[in-house]
Amino acid sequence: MNNELKRTSFFWPIVLIGAGVILLLRNLGIIQAFNFNTLLRLWPLLLVVIGLDLIFGHKSPWVGGLIGLITVAAVVAFLYYAPSMGINPTSGVKTEVVSAPLENTQRVEYNLDTSYAPVTVSALSGSTDLVNATIIHHGQLEFDVIGDSDKTVNLSEMITNDSWFSLDLGLSGQKWDIGFNPSVPTSINVNGGSGSIKMDLTGIMLDSLRAHFGYGSSHIILPASATPYGVEIESGSGSVSLSLPVSTDVTLKLDTGSGSVCVSVPVGSGLMVEVLDDGSGSVNLPAMTLTQGDGAFENDTWQTADFTNAANKITIQIVNRGSGSININIDN
């Protein structure tokens, strides 16, 4: 047994340590971001070094270790010099700016299909663009604007094979920065991915918001409006926080998953919460009166004391409740 342990090759331990060193060098910016398609160019080398380890590594552990060191050094040298040789000129990360002019737009609907990059959405200031977005991403961006006075704007990313096999670990600064013109009535539909989403819609003339969130955390600031509007949120495993506006009637429908949901209601608004479905997640409400049901958070209705006579009313309907907690707070 002792003789077998002595003959164990150091090849694979050295290769594992080397893989960590390569990722560290990438983090420090010494070598550029790379992907598996680049490394697949070295597959003949893998056959050679495995064969050498089988022949020599088990006879002498240190010979196996030396083979491992040479292998790691060869991979590092390849990744370091690959861009100058034109083998890996870029990491696949690119920056694109897409925009469309406001022109005669009377109404707009935005359809956003995001991926794993973080997303920020806000109102454009002093711009003649209907939409202006700077996207740093992998893959293939798809952007189109349809219609004349009533427009539909579609923005999404098709993930390529290079994107799936990227090893840049998000260090390439991927992000979506999107700006909407605040001067036209706006409907927003979001299909979120694994990246975080921050939407500050302050100033936007919002007609409606429908969002399906995935794994990433999401934070939404809703705009004030002279007319009522509706918001529908379907959340997944990521946390969701929503800040509701003052002096605005809003109907919010929640379909929650395993992530926590936190809703901040401005002080002075009348609040009604309808729980239409049972679930395992907890529901935490401010001081409210039960007006329907038994208080078990299944087919129950709760209201603040001033709801009936409030100048502005906020209605929150929990249509499906998952395992995540739902916290509704009144801001002081």
C-alpha atoms as a PDB file:
ATOM      1  CA  MET A   1       0.000   0.000   0.000  1.00  0.00           C
ATOM      2  CA  ASN A   2       2.786   2.432   0.875  1.00  0.00           C
ATOM      3  CA  ASN A   3       4.574   1.660  -2.381  1.00  0.00           C
ATOM      4  CA  GLU A   4       1.370   2.420  -4.330  1.00  0.00           C
ATOM      5  CA  LEU A   5       0.991   5.751  -2.557  1.00  0.00           C
ATOM      6  CA  LYS A   6       4.586   6.644  -3.389  1.00  0.00           C
ATOM      7  CA  ARG A   7       3.939   5.884  -7.059  1.00  0.00           C
ATOM      8  CA  THR A   8       0.850   8.114  -7.219  1.00  0.00           C
ATOM      9  CA  SER A   9       1.400  10.808  -9.858  1.00  0.00           C
ATOM     10  CA  PHE A  10       1.357  14.489  -8.931  1.00  0.00           C
ATOM     11  CA  PHE A  11       0.093  15.325 -12.425  1.00  0.00           C
ATOM     12  CA  TRP A  12      -3.591  15.949 -11.621  1.00  0.00           C
ATOM     13  CA  PRO A  13      -3.015  17.883  -8.365  1.00  0.00           C
ATOM     14  CA  ILE A  14      -0.596  20.177 -10.229  1.00  0.00           C
ATOM     15  CA  VAL A  15      -3.106  20.620 -13.082  1.00  0.00           C
ATOM     16  CA  LEU A  16      -5.891  21.537 -10.613  1.00  0.00           C
ATOM     17  CA  ILE A  17      -3.632  24.049  -8.876  1.00  0.00           C
ATOM     18  CA  GLY A  18      -2.648  25.397 -12.272  1.00  0.00           C
ATOM     19  CA  ALA A  19      -6.297  25.875 -13.255  1.00  0.00           C
ATOM     20  CA  GLY A  20      -6.730  28.025 -10.151  1.00  0.00           C
ATOM     21  CA  VAL A  21      -3.619  30.013 -11.048  1.00  0.00           C
ATOM     22  CA  ILE A  22      -4.970  30.613 -14.563  1.00  0.00           C
ATOM     23  CA  LEU A  23      -8.261  31.969 -13.195  1.00  0.00           C
ATOM     24  CA  LEU A  24      -6.310  34.166 -10.767  1.00  0.00           C
ATOM     25  CA  LEU A  25      -4.234  35.559 -13.626  1.00  0.00           C
ATOM     26  CA  ARG A  26      -7.497  36.300 -15.456  1.00  0.00           C
ATOM     27  CA  ASN A  27      -8.867  38.103 -12.378  1.00  0.00           C
ATOM     28  CA  LEU A  28      -5.698  40.210 -12.197  1.00  0.00           C
ATOM     29  CA  GLY A  29      -5.983  41.102 -15.876  1.00  0.00           C
ATOM     30  CA  ILE A  30      -2.666  39.477 -16.808  1.00  0.00           C
ATOM     31  CA  ILE A  31      -4.425  37.277 -19.347  1.00  0.00           C
ATOM     32  CA  GLN A  32      -7.610  38.211 -21.145  1.00  0.00           C
ATOM     33  CA  ALA A  33     -11.029  36.627 -20.742  1.00  0.00           C
ATOM     34  CA  PHE A  34     -11.309  33.359 -22.608  1.00  0.00           C
ATOM     35  CA  ASN A  35     -13.805  30.624 -23.352  1.00  0.00           C
ATOM     36  CA  PHE A  36     -13.854  26.882 -23.821  1.00  0.00           C
ATOM     37  CA  ASN A  37     -13.810  27.239 -27.606  1.00  0.00           C
ATOM     38  CA  THR A  38     -10.349  28.777 -27.279  1.00  0.00           C
ATOM     39  CA  LEU A  39      -9.119  26.034 -24.968  1.00  0.00           C
ATOM     40  CA  LEU A  40     -10.496  23.330 -27.273  1.00  0.00           C
ATOM     41  CA  ARG A  41      -7.718  24.260 -29.687  1.00  0.00           C
ATOM     42  CA  LEU A  42      -5.359  22.578 -27.198  1.00  0.00           C
ATOM     43  CA  TRP A  43      -7.102  19.196 -27.106  1.00  0.00           C
ATOM     44  CA  PRO A  44      -4.198  17.377 -28.858  1.00  0.00           C
ATOM     45  CA  LEU A  45      -1.919  18.605 -26.063  1.00  0.00           C
ATOM     46  CA  LEU A  46      -4.254  16.989 -23.529  1.00  0.00           C
ATOM     47  CA  LEU A  47      -3.854  13.606 -25.209  1.00  0.00           C
ATOM     48  CA  VAL A  48      -0.071  13.982 -25.242  1.00  0.00           C
ATOM     49  CA  VAL A  49       0.297  14.927 -21.564  1.00  0.00           C
ATOM     50  CA  ILE A  50      -2.142  12.241 -20.367  1.00  0.00           C
ATOM     51  CA  GLY A  51      -0.136   9.677 -22.334  1.00  0.00           C
ATOM     52  CA  LEU A  52       3.138  10.939 -20.844  1.00  0.00           C
ATOM     53  CA  ASP A  53       1.659  10.807 -17.360  1.00  0.00           C
ATOM     54  CA  LEU A  54       0.487   7.231 -17.867  1.00  0.00           C
ATOM     55  CA  ILE A  55       3.967   6.214 -19.037  1.00  0.00           C
ATOM     56  CA  PHE A  56       6.156   8.158 -16.601  1.00  0.00           C
ATOM     57  CA  GLY A  57       3.950   9.728 -13.925  1.00  0.00           C
ATOM     58  CA  HIS A  58       3.136   6.546 -12.017  1.00  0.00           C
ATOM     59  CA  LYS A  59       6.772   5.491 -11.956  1.00  0.00           C
ATOM     60  CA  SER A  60       7.842   8.745 -10.332  1.00  0.00           C
ATOM     61  CA  PRO A  61       5.379  11.212  -8.737  1.00  0.00           C
ATOM     62  CA  TRP A  62       7.757  14.088  -9.388  1.00  0.00           C
ATOM     63  CA  VAL A  63       7.932  13.324 -13.088  1.00  0.00           C
ATOM     64  CA  GLY A  64       4.114  13.487 -13.158  1.00  0.00           C
ATOM     65  CA  GLY A  65       4.279  16.812 -11.354  1.00  0.00           C
ATOM     66  CA  LEU A  66       6.816  18.136 -13.858  1.00  0.00           C
ATOM     67  CA  ILE A  67       4.540  17.092 -16.723  1.00  0.00           C
ATOM     68  CA  GLY A  68       1.694  18.937 -14.992  1.00  0.00           C
ATOM     69  CA  LEU A  69       3.799  22.090 -14.566  1.00  0.00           C
ATOM     70  CA  ILE A  70       4.837  22.048 -18.222  1.00  0.00           C
ATOM     71  CA  THR A  71       1.186  21.589 -19.226  1.00  0.00           C
ATOM     72  CA  VAL A  72       0.012  24.544 -17.114  1.00  0.00           C
ATOM     73  CA  ALA A  73       2.853  26.735 -18.384  1.00  0.00           C
ATOM     74  CA  ALA A  74       1.941  25.854 -21.972  1.00  0.00           C
ATOM     75  CA  VAL A  75      -1.716  26.786 -21.409  1.00  0.00           C
ATOM     76  CA  VAL A  76      -0.783  30.092 -19.730  1.00  0.00           C
ATOM     77  CA  ALA A  77       1.598  30.967 -22.567  1.00  0.00           C
ATOM     78  CA  PHE A  78      -1.051  30.100 -25.137  1.00  0.00           C
ATOM     79  CA  LEU A  79      -3.718  32.266 -23.471  1.00  0.00           C
ATOM     80  CA  TYR A  80      -1.268  35.134 -22.974  1.00  0.00           C
ATOM     81  CA  TYR A  81      -0.028  35.247 -26.563  1.00  0.00           C
ATOM     82  CA  ALA A  82      -3.254  34.130 -28.296  1.00  0.00           C
ATOM     83  CA  PRO A  83      -4.639  37.680 -28.836  1.00  0.00           C
ATOM     84  CA  SER A  84      -1.412  38.864 -30.513  1.00  0.00           C
ATOM     85  CA  MET A  85      -1.534  35.804 -32.788  1.00  0.00           C
ATOM     86  CA  GLY A  86      -5.154  36.511 -33.730  1.00  0.00           C
ATOM     87  CA  ILE A  87      -6.367  33.280 -32.181  1.00  0.00           C
ATOM     88  CA  ASN A  88      -8.490  34.957 -29.517  1.00  0.00           C
ATOM     89  CA  PRO A  89      -8.625  38.628 -30.541  1.00  0.00           C
ATOM     90  CA  THR A  90     -11.447  39.398 -28.131  1.00  0.00           C
ATOM     91  CA  SER A  91     -13.142  37.716 -25.207  1.00  0.00           C
ATOM     92  CA  GLY A  92     -16.473  37.871 -27.069  1.00  0.00           C
ATOM     93  CA  VAL A  93     -17.546  40.894 -25.034  1.00  0.00           C
ATOM     94  CA  LYS A  94     -18.727  43.845 -27.082  1.00  0.00           C
ATOM     95  CA  THR A  95     -20.331  47.223 -26.494  1.00  0.00           C
ATOM     96  CA  GLU A  96     -23.308  48.251 -28.606  1.00  0.00           C
ATOM     97  CA  VAL A  97     -25.342  51.445 -28.449  1.00  0.00           C
ATOM     98  CA  VAL A  98     -28.877  51.166 -29.821  1.00  0.00           C
ATOM     99  CA  SER A  99     -31.391  53.974 -30.093  1.00  0.00           C
ATOM    100  CA  ALA A 100     -34.510  55.166 -31.877  1.00  0.00           C
ATOM    101  CA  PRO A 101     -35.735  58.757 -32.369  1.00  0.00           C
ATOM    102  CA  LEU A 102     -38.844  60.030 -30.609  1.00  0.00           C
ATOM    103  CA  GLU A 103     -40.288  61.625 -33.756  1.00  0.00           C
ATOM    104  CA  ASN A 104     -44.126  61.492 -33.725  1.00  0.00           C
ATOM    105  CA  THR A 105     -44.486  58.745 -31.121  1.00  0.00           C
ATOM    106  CA  GLN A 106     -47.778  58.959 -29.217  1.00  0.00           C
ATOM    107  CA  ARG A 107     -47.526  55.719 -27.272  1.00  0.00           C
ATOM    108  CA  VAL A 108     -44.850  53.055 -26.806  1.00  0.00           C
ATOM    109  CA  GLU A 109     -44.596  49.478 -25.556  1.00  0.00           C
ATOM    110  CA  TYR A 110     -41.201  48.114 -24.537  1.00  0.00           C
ATOM    111  CA  ASN A 111     -40.472  44.374 -24.530  1.00  0.00           C
ATOM    112  CA  LEU A 112     -37.231  43.549 -22.704  1.00  0.00           C
ATOM    113  CA  ASP A 113     -35.875  40.019 -22.621  1.00  0.00           C
ATOM    114  CA  THR A 114     -32.773  40.163 -20.442  1.00  0.00           C
ATOM    115  CA  SER A 115     -30.082  37.585 -19.722  1.00  0.00           C
ATOM    116  CA  TYR A 116     -27.386  37.196 -17.061  1.00  0.00           C
ATOM    117  CA  ALA A 117     -25.963  40.724 -17.222  1.00  0.00           C
ATOM    118  CA  PRO A 118     -27.205  43.302 -14.692  1.00  0.00           C
ATOM    119  CA  VAL A 119     -29.800  45.734 -16.074  1.00  0.00           C
ATOM    120  CA  THR A 120     -30.601  49.335 -15.182  1.00  0.00           C
ATOM    121  CA  VAL A 121     -33.599  51.232 -16.567  1.00  0.00           C
ATOM    122  CA  SER A 122     -34.261  54.936 -16.071  1.00  0.00           C
ATOM    123  CA  ALA A 123     -35.788  57.998 -17.743  1.00  0.00           C
ATOM    124  CA  LEU A 124     -33.808  59.894 -20.357  1.00  0.00           C
ATOM    125  CA  SER A 125     -33.183  63.535 -19.552  1.00  0.00           C
ATOM    126  CA  GLY A 126     -33.418  66.172 -22.284  1.00  0.00           C
ATOM    127  CA  SER A 127     -33.156  63.629 -25.083  1.00  0.00           C
ATOM    128  CA  THR A 128     -34.851  63.480 -28.470  1.00  0.00           C
ATOM    129  CA  ASP A 129     -34.516  59.690 -28.436  1.00  0.00           C
ATOM    130  CA  LEU A 130     -37.430  57.424 -27.709  1.00  0.00           C
ATOM    131  CA  VAL A 131     -35.006  54.848 -26.325  1.00  0.00           C
ATOM    132  CA  ASN A 132     -31.251  54.818 -25.907  1.00  0.00           C
ATOM    133  CA  ALA A 133     -29.381  51.832 -24.532  1.00  0.00           C
ATOM    134  CA  THR A 134     -25.738  50.930 -24.033  1.00  0.00           C
ATOM    135  CA  ILE A 135     -25.333  47.156 -23.906  1.00  0.00           C
ATOM    136  CA  ILE A 136     -22.070  45.448 -22.929  1.00  0.00           C
ATOM    137  CA  HIS A 137     -22.651  41.790 -23.601  1.00  0.00           C
ATOM    138  CA  HIS A 138     -21.823  38.424 -25.137  1.00  0.00           C
ATOM    139  CA  GLY A 139     -23.999  36.893 -27.774  1.00  0.00           C
ATOM    140  CA  GLN A 140     -26.115  38.527 -30.453  1.00  0.00           C
ATOM    141  CA  LEU A 141     -28.226  41.580 -29.656  1.00  0.00           C
ATOM    142  CA  GLU A 142     -31.671  41.844 -31.219  1.00  0.00           C
ATOM    143  CA  PHE A 143     -33.238  45.306 -31.368  1.00  0.00           C
ATOM    144  CA  ASP A 144     -36.130  46.531 -33.476  1.00  0.00           C
ATOM    145  CA  VAL A 145     -38.743  49.275 -33.447  1.00  0.00           C
ATOM    146  CA  ILE A 146     -42.136  48.651 -35.041  1.00  0.00           C
ATOM    147  CA  GLY A 147     -44.924  51.122 -35.754  1.00  0.00           C
ATOM    148  CA  ASP A 148     -45.411  54.808 -36.422  1.00  0.00           C
ATOM    149  CA  SER A 149     -47.252  56.846 -33.778  1.00  0.00           C
ATOM    150  CA  ASP A 150     -47.823  53.730 -31.668  1.00  0.00           C
ATOM    151  CA  LYS A 151     -44.491  51.972 -31.406  1.00  0.00           C
ATOM    152  CA  THR A 152     -43.270  48.642 -30.095  1.00  0.00           C
ATOM    153  CA  VAL A 153     -39.622  48.384 -29.068  1.00  0.00           C
ATOM    154  CA  ASN A 154     -38.088  44.914 -28.693  1.00  0.00           C
ATOM    155  CA  LEU A 155     -34.721  44.380 -27.052  1.00  0.00           C
ATOM    156  CA  SER A 156     -33.257  40.960 -26.333  1.00  0.00           C
ATOM    157  CA  GLU A 157     -30.059  38.941 -26.547  1.00  0.00           C
ATOM    158  CA  MET A 158     -29.575  35.601 -28.241  1.00  0.00           C
ATOM    159  CA  ILE A 159     -27.001  33.589 -26.323  1.00  0.00           C
ATOM    160  CA  THR A 160     -24.348  32.009 -28.532  1.00  0.00           C
ATOM    161  CA  ASN A 161     -22.190  28.978 -27.815  1.00  0.00           C
ATOM    162  CA  ASP A 162     -19.280  31.271 -26.941  1.00  0.00           C
ATOM    163  CA  SER A 163     -21.428  32.941 -24.285  1.00  0.00           C
ATOM    164  CA  TRP A 164     -22.408  29.699 -22.614  1.00  0.00           C
ATOM    165  CA  PHE A 165     -18.781  28.616 -22.373  1.00  0.00           C
ATOM    166  CA  SER A 166     -17.350  31.940 -21.249  1.00  0.00           C
ATOM    167  CA  LEU A 167     -14.889  31.863 -18.385  1.00  0.00           C
ATOM    168  CA  ASP A 168     -14.726  35.609 -17.775  1.00  0.00           C
ATOM    169  CA  LEU A 169     -16.913  35.140 -14.661  1.00  0.00           C
ATOM    170  CA  GLY A 170     -18.646  38.464 -15.212  1.00  0.00           C
ATOM    171  CA  LEU A 171     -15.387  40.368 -14.910  1.00  0.00           C
ATOM    172  CA  SER A 172     -15.736  41.918 -18.365  1.00  0.00           C
ATOM    173  CA  GLY A 173     -18.225  44.507 -17.085  1.00  0.00           C
ATOM    174  CA  GLN A 174     -21.285  43.180 -18.867  1.00  0.00           C
ATOM    175  CA  LYS A 175     -24.374  45.318 -18.256  1.00  0.00           C
ATOM    176  CA  TRP A 176     -27.437  46.828 -19.869  1.00  0.00           C
ATOM    177  CA  ASP A 177     -28.042  50.570 -19.331  1.00  0.00           C
ATOM    178  CA  ILE A 178     -31.412  51.489 -20.836  1.00  0.00           C
ATOM    179  CA  GLY A 179     -33.053  54.902 -21.004  1.00  0.00           C
ATOM    180  CA  PHE A 180     -36.710  55.589 -21.918  1.00  0.00           C
ATOM    181  CA  ASN A 181     -38.151  58.904 -23.039  1.00  0.00           C
ATOM    182  CA  PRO A 182     -40.479  60.151 -20.267  1.00  0.00           C
ATOM    183  CA  SER A 183     -42.762  62.243 -22.502  1.00  0.00           C
ATOM    184  CA  VAL A 184     -45.004  59.519 -23.994  1.00  0.00           C
ATOM    185  CA  PRO A 185     -47.416  56.995 -22.399  1.00  0.00           C
ATOM    186  CA  THR A 186     -45.418  53.844 -21.778  1.00  0.00           C
ATOM    187  CA  SER A 187     -46.084  50.141 -21.258  1.00  0.00           C
ATOM    188  CA  ILE A 188     -43.199  47.934 -20.155  1.00  0.00           C
ATOM    189  CA  ASN A 189     -42.925  44.143 -20.374  1.00  0.00           C
ATOM    190  CA  VAL A 190     -39.859  42.516 -18.837  1.00  0.00           C
ATOM    191  CA  ASN A 191     -38.748  38.909 -19.006  1.00  0.00           C
ATOM    192  CA  GLY A 192     -35.852  38.796 -16.576  1.00  0.00           C
ATOM    193  CA  GLY A 193     -32.953  36.364 -16.550  1.00  0.00           C
ATOM    194  CA  SER A 194     -30.367  35.602 -13.909  1.00  0.00           C
ATOM    195  CA  GLY A 195     -28.939  39.124 -13.760  1.00  0.00           C
ATOM    196  CA  SER A 196     -30.057  41.796 -11.306  1.00  0.00           C
ATOM    197  CA  ILE A 197     -32.549  44.403 -12.531  1.00  0.00           C
ATOM    198  CA  LYS A 198     -32.868  47.964 -11.249  1.00  0.00           C
ATOM    199  CA  MET A 199     -35.694  50.033 -12.701  1.00  0.00           C
ATOM    200  CA  ASP A 200     -36.055  53.632 -11.573  1.00  0.00           C
ATOM    201  CA  LEU A 201     -39.153  54.674 -13.514  1.00  0.00           C
ATOM    202  CA  THR A 202     -39.432  58.073 -11.870  1.00  0.00           C
ATOM    203  CA  GLY A 203     -40.784  60.524 -14.451  1.00  0.00           C
ATOM    204  CA  ILE A 204     -41.990  57.836 -16.870  1.00  0.00           C
ATOM    205  CA  MET A 205     -45.632  58.162 -18.042  1.00  0.00           C
ATOM    206  CA  LEU A 206     -46.392  54.595 -17.084  1.00  0.00           C
ATOM    207  CA  ASP A 207     -49.535  52.889 -18.394  1.00  0.00           C
ATOM    208  CA  SER A 208     -48.637  49.402 -17.217  1.00  0.00           C
ATOM    209  CA  LEU A 209     -45.754  47.208 -16.104  1.00  0.00           C
ATOM    210  CA  ARG A 210     -45.609  43.432 -16.454  1.00  0.00           C
ATOM    211  CA  ALA A 211     -42.490  41.674 -15.263  1.00  0.00           C
ATOM    212  CA  HIS A 212     -41.403  38.063 -14.952  1.00  0.00           C
ATOM    213  CA  PHE A 213     -38.262  37.916 -12.839  1.00  0.00           C
ATOM    214  CA  GLY A 214     -35.862  34.994 -12.588  1.00  0.00           C
ATOM    215  CA  TYR A 215     -32.836  34.288 -10.405  1.00  0.00           C
ATOM    216  CA  GLY A 216     -31.447  37.786 -10.056  1.00  0.00           C
ATOM    217  CA  SER A 217     -32.531  40.368  -7.509  1.00  0.00           C
ATOM    218  CA  SER A 218     -34.875  43.110  -8.736  1.00  0.00           C
ATOM    219  CA  HIS A 219     -35.584  46.598  -7.448  1.00  0.00           C
ATOM    220  CA  ILE A 220     -38.312  48.792  -8.945  1.00  0.00           C
ATOM    221  CA  ILE A 221     -39.209  52.400  -8.189  1.00  0.00           C
ATOM    222  CA  LEU A 222     -42.634  53.146  -9.659  1.00  0.00           C
ATOM    223  CA  PRO A 223     -43.498  56.632 -10.942  1.00  0.00           C
ATOM    224  CA  ALA A 224     -46.180  59.033  -9.726  1.00  0.00           C
ATOM    225  CA  SER A 225     -49.056  59.501 -12.139  1.00  0.00           C
ATOM    226  CA  ALA A 226     -52.273  61.506 -12.433  1.00  0.00           C
ATOM    227  CA  THR A 227     -54.038  58.418 -13.794  1.00  0.00           C
ATOM    228  CA  PRO A 228     -54.266  54.919 -12.257  1.00  0.00           C
ATOM    229  CA  TYR A 229     -52.122  52.130 -13.666  1.00  0.00           C
ATOM    230  CA  GLY A 230     -51.558  48.434 -13.077  1.00  0.00           C
ATOM    231  CA  VAL A 231     -48.429  46.423 -12.264  1.00  0.00           C
ATOM    232  CA  GLU A 232     -48.101  42.644 -12.521  1.00  0.00           C
ATOM    233  CA  ILE A 233     -45.056  40.954 -10.986  1.00  0.00           C
ATOM    234  CA  GLU A 234     -44.213  37.265 -11.290  1.00  0.00           C
ATOM    235  CA  SER A 235     -41.140  36.565  -9.223  1.00  0.00           C
ATOM    236  CA  GLY A 236     -38.833  33.568  -9.085  1.00  0.00           C
ATOM    237  CA  SER A 237     -36.025  32.698  -6.712  1.00  0.00           C
ATOM    238  CA  GLY A 238     -34.520  36.183  -6.704  1.00  0.00           C
ATOM    239  CA  SER A 239     -35.569  38.821  -4.197  1.00  0.00           C
ATOM    240  CA  VAL A 240     -37.863  41.630  -5.366  1.00  0.00           C
ATOM    241  CA  SER A 241     -38.367  45.071  -3.856  1.00  0.00           C
ATOM    242  CA  LEU A 242     -40.900  47.632  -5.064  1.00  0.00           C
ATOM    243  CA  SER A 243     -41.312  51.255  -4.030  1.00  0.00           C
ATOM    244  CA  LEU A 244     -44.805  52.551  -4.796  1.00  0.00           C
ATOM    245  CA  PRO A 245     -45.414  56.220  -5.613  1.00  0.00           C
ATOM    246  CA  VAL A 246     -47.233  58.929  -3.705  1.00  0.00           C
ATOM    247  CA  SER A 247     -50.505  60.467  -4.889  1.00  0.00           C
ATOM    248  CA  THR A 248     -51.183  57.650  -7.343  1.00  0.00           C
ATOM    249  CA  ASP A 249     -53.748  54.865  -7.599  1.00  0.00           C
ATOM    250  CA  VAL A 250     -51.937  51.594  -8.294  1.00  0.00           C
ATOM    251  CA  THR A 251     -53.181  48.019  -8.585  1.00  0.00           C
ATOM    252  CA  LEU A 252     -50.344  45.575  -7.945  1.00  0.00           C
ATOM    253  CA  LYS A 253     -50.727  41.854  -8.681  1.00  0.00           C
ATOM    254  CA  LEU A 254     -48.140  39.513  -7.179  1.00  0.00           C
ATOM    255  CA  ASP A 255     -47.368  35.965  -8.262  1.00  0.00           C
ATOM    256  CA  THR A 256     -44.465  35.037  -6.013  1.00  0.00           C
ATOM    257  CA  GLY A 257     -41.922  32.228  -5.927  1.00  0.00           C
ATOM    258  CA  SER A 258     -39.187  31.222  -3.509  1.00  0.00           C
ATOM    259  CA  GLY A 259     -37.567  34.657  -3.323  1.00  0.00           C
ATOM    260  CA  SER A 260     -38.649  37.288  -0.822  1.00  0.00           C
ATOM    261  CA  VAL A 261     -40.839  40.202  -1.961  1.00  0.00           C
ATOM    262  CA  CYS A 262     -40.838  43.565  -0.209  1.00  0.00           C
ATOM    263  CA  VAL A 263     -43.345  46.307  -1.102  1.00  0.00           C
ATOM    264  CA  SER A 264     -42.995  49.837   0.265  1.00  0.00           C
ATOM    265  CA  VAL A 265     -46.230  51.848   0.318  1.00  0.00           C
ATOM    266  CA  PRO A 266     -46.058  55.643   0.809  1.00  0.00           C
ATOM    267  CA  VAL A 267     -47.629  57.024   3.973  1.00  0.00           C
ATOM    268  CA  GLY A 268     -51.015  58.635   3.398  1.00  0.00           C
ATOM    269  CA  SER A 269     -52.197  56.198   0.720  1.00  0.00           C
ATOM    270  CA  GLY A 270     -55.153  53.943   1.430  1.00  0.00           C
ATOM    271  CA  LEU A 271     -54.060  50.315   1.250  1.00  0.00           C
ATOM    272  CA  MET A 272     -56.032  47.150   0.565  1.00  0.00           C
ATOM    273  CA  VAL A 273     -54.378  43.730   0.436  1.00  0.00           C
ATOM    274  CA  GLU A 274     -56.214  40.747  -1.043  1.00  0.00           C
ATOM    275  CA  VAL A 275     -54.700  37.301  -0.484  1.00  0.00           C
ATOM    276  CA  LEU A 276     -56.308  35.078  -3.114  1.00  0.00           C
ATOM    277  CA  ASP A 277     -54.155  31.987  -2.774  1.00  0.00           C
ATOM    278  CA  ASP A 278     -52.513  30.039   0.015  1.00  0.00           C
ATOM    279  CA  GLY A 279     -48.823  29.187   0.101  1.00  0.00           C
ATOM    280  CA  SER A 280     -46.004  28.327   2.435  1.00  0.00           C
ATOM    281  CA  GLY A 281     -44.394  31.773   2.478  1.00  0.00           C
ATOM    282  CA  SER A 282     -45.159  34.214   5.275  1.00  0.00           C
ATOM    283  CA  VAL A 283     -47.158  37.413   4.731  1.00  0.00           C
ATOM    284  CA  ASN A 284     -46.267  40.406   6.890  1.00  0.00           C
ATOM    285  CA  LEU A 285     -48.617  43.394   6.825  1.00  0.00           C
ATOM    286  CA  PRO A 286     -48.704  46.790   8.543  1.00  0.00           C
ATOM    287  CA  ALA A 287     -51.537  47.631  10.933  1.00  0.00           C
ATOM    288  CA  MET A 288     -54.687  46.751   8.948  1.00  0.00           C
ATOM    289  CA  THR A 289     -58.241  45.558   9.508  1.00  0.00           C
ATOM    290  CA  LEU A 290     -59.452  42.179   8.284  1.00  0.00           C
ATOM    291  CA  THR A 291     -62.600  42.850   6.250  1.00  0.00           C
ATOM    292  CA  GLN A 292     -63.047  39.406   4.699  1.00  0.00           C
ATOM    293  CA  GLY A 293     -61.906  35.899   5.603  1.00  0.00           C
ATOM    294  CA  ASP A 294     -60.542  34.311   8.758  1.00  0.00           C
ATOM    295  CA  GLY A 295     -57.089  35.874   8.860  1.00  0.00           C
ATOM    296  CA  ALA A 296     -55.279  32.724   7.715  1.00  0.00           C
ATOM    297  CA  PHE A 297     -54.013  34.517   4.586  1.00  0.00           C
ATOM    298  CA  GLU A 298     -56.180  32.492   2.247  1.00  0.00           C
ATOM    299  CA  ASN A 299     -59.006  34.349   0.502  1.00  0.00           C
ATOM    300  CA  ASP A 300     -58.611  37.205   2.965  1.00  0.00           C
ATOM    301  CA  THR A 301     -58.980  40.944   2.478  1.00  0.00           C
ATOM    302  CA  TRP A 302     -57.254  43.522   4.644  1.00  0.00           C
ATOM    303  CA  GLN A 303     -57.651  47.306   4.620  1.00  0.00           C
ATOM    304  CA  THR A 304     -56.107  50.281   6.358  1.00  0.00           C
ATOM    305  CA  ALA A 305     -58.546  52.365   8.362  1.00  0.00           C
ATOM    306  CA  ASP A 306     -58.487  55.217   5.859  1.00  0.00           C
ATOM    307  CA  PHE A 307     -58.857  53.139   2.698  1.00  0.00           C
ATOM    308  CA  THR A 308     -62.482  53.996   1.872  1.00  0.00           C
ATOM    309  CA  ASN A 309     -61.999  57.762   2.089  1.00  0.00           C
ATOM    310  CA  ALA A 310     -58.367  57.945   0.934  1.00  0.00           C
ATOM    311  CA  ALA A 311     -57.612  60.297  -1.927  1.00  0.00           C
ATOM    312  CA  ASN A 312     -55.283  57.710  -3.422  1.00  0.00           C
ATOM    313  CA  LYS A 313     -55.750  53.961  -3.165  1.00  0.00           C
ATOM    314  CA  ILE A 314     -53.252  51.158  -3.546  1.00  0.00           C
ATOM    315  CA  THR A 315     -54.595  47.655  -4.053  1.00  0.00           C
ATOM    316  CA  ILE A 316     -52.253  44.696  -3.727  1.00  0.00           C
ATOM    317  CA  GLN A 317     -53.552  41.327  -4.909  1.00  0.00           C
ATOM    318  CA  ILE A 318     -51.517  38.254  -4.025  1.00  0.00           C
ATOM    319  CA  VAL A 319     -52.835  35.950  -6.738  1.00  0.00           C
ATOM    320  CA  ASN A 320     -50.295  33.157  -6.180  1.00  0.00           C
ATOM    321  CA  ARG A 321     -48.095  32.762  -3.132  1.00  0.00           C
ATOM    322  CA  GLY A 322     -44.933  30.685  -3.138  1.00  0.00           C
ATOM    323  CA  SER A 323     -42.463  29.787  -0.434  1.00  0.00           C
ATOM    324  CA  GLY A 324     -40.811  33.192  -0.182  1.00  0.00           C
ATOM    325  CA  SER A 325     -41.874  35.792   2.354  1.00  0.00           C
ATOM    326  CA  ILE A 326     -44.018  38.780   1.364  1.00  0.00           C
ATOM    327  CA  ASN A 327     -43.433  41.950   3.344  1.00  0.00           C
ATOM    328  CA  ILE A 328     -45.616  45.012   2.864  1.00  0.00           C
ATOM    329  CA  ASN A 329     -44.511  48.153   4.699  1.00  0.00           C
ATOM    330  CA  ILE A 330     -45.821  51.706   4.966  1.00  0.00           C
ATOM    331  CA  ASP A 331     -42.998  54.221   4.669  1.00  0.00           C
ATOM    332  CA  ASN A 332     -42.793  56.791   7.432  1.00  0.00           C
END
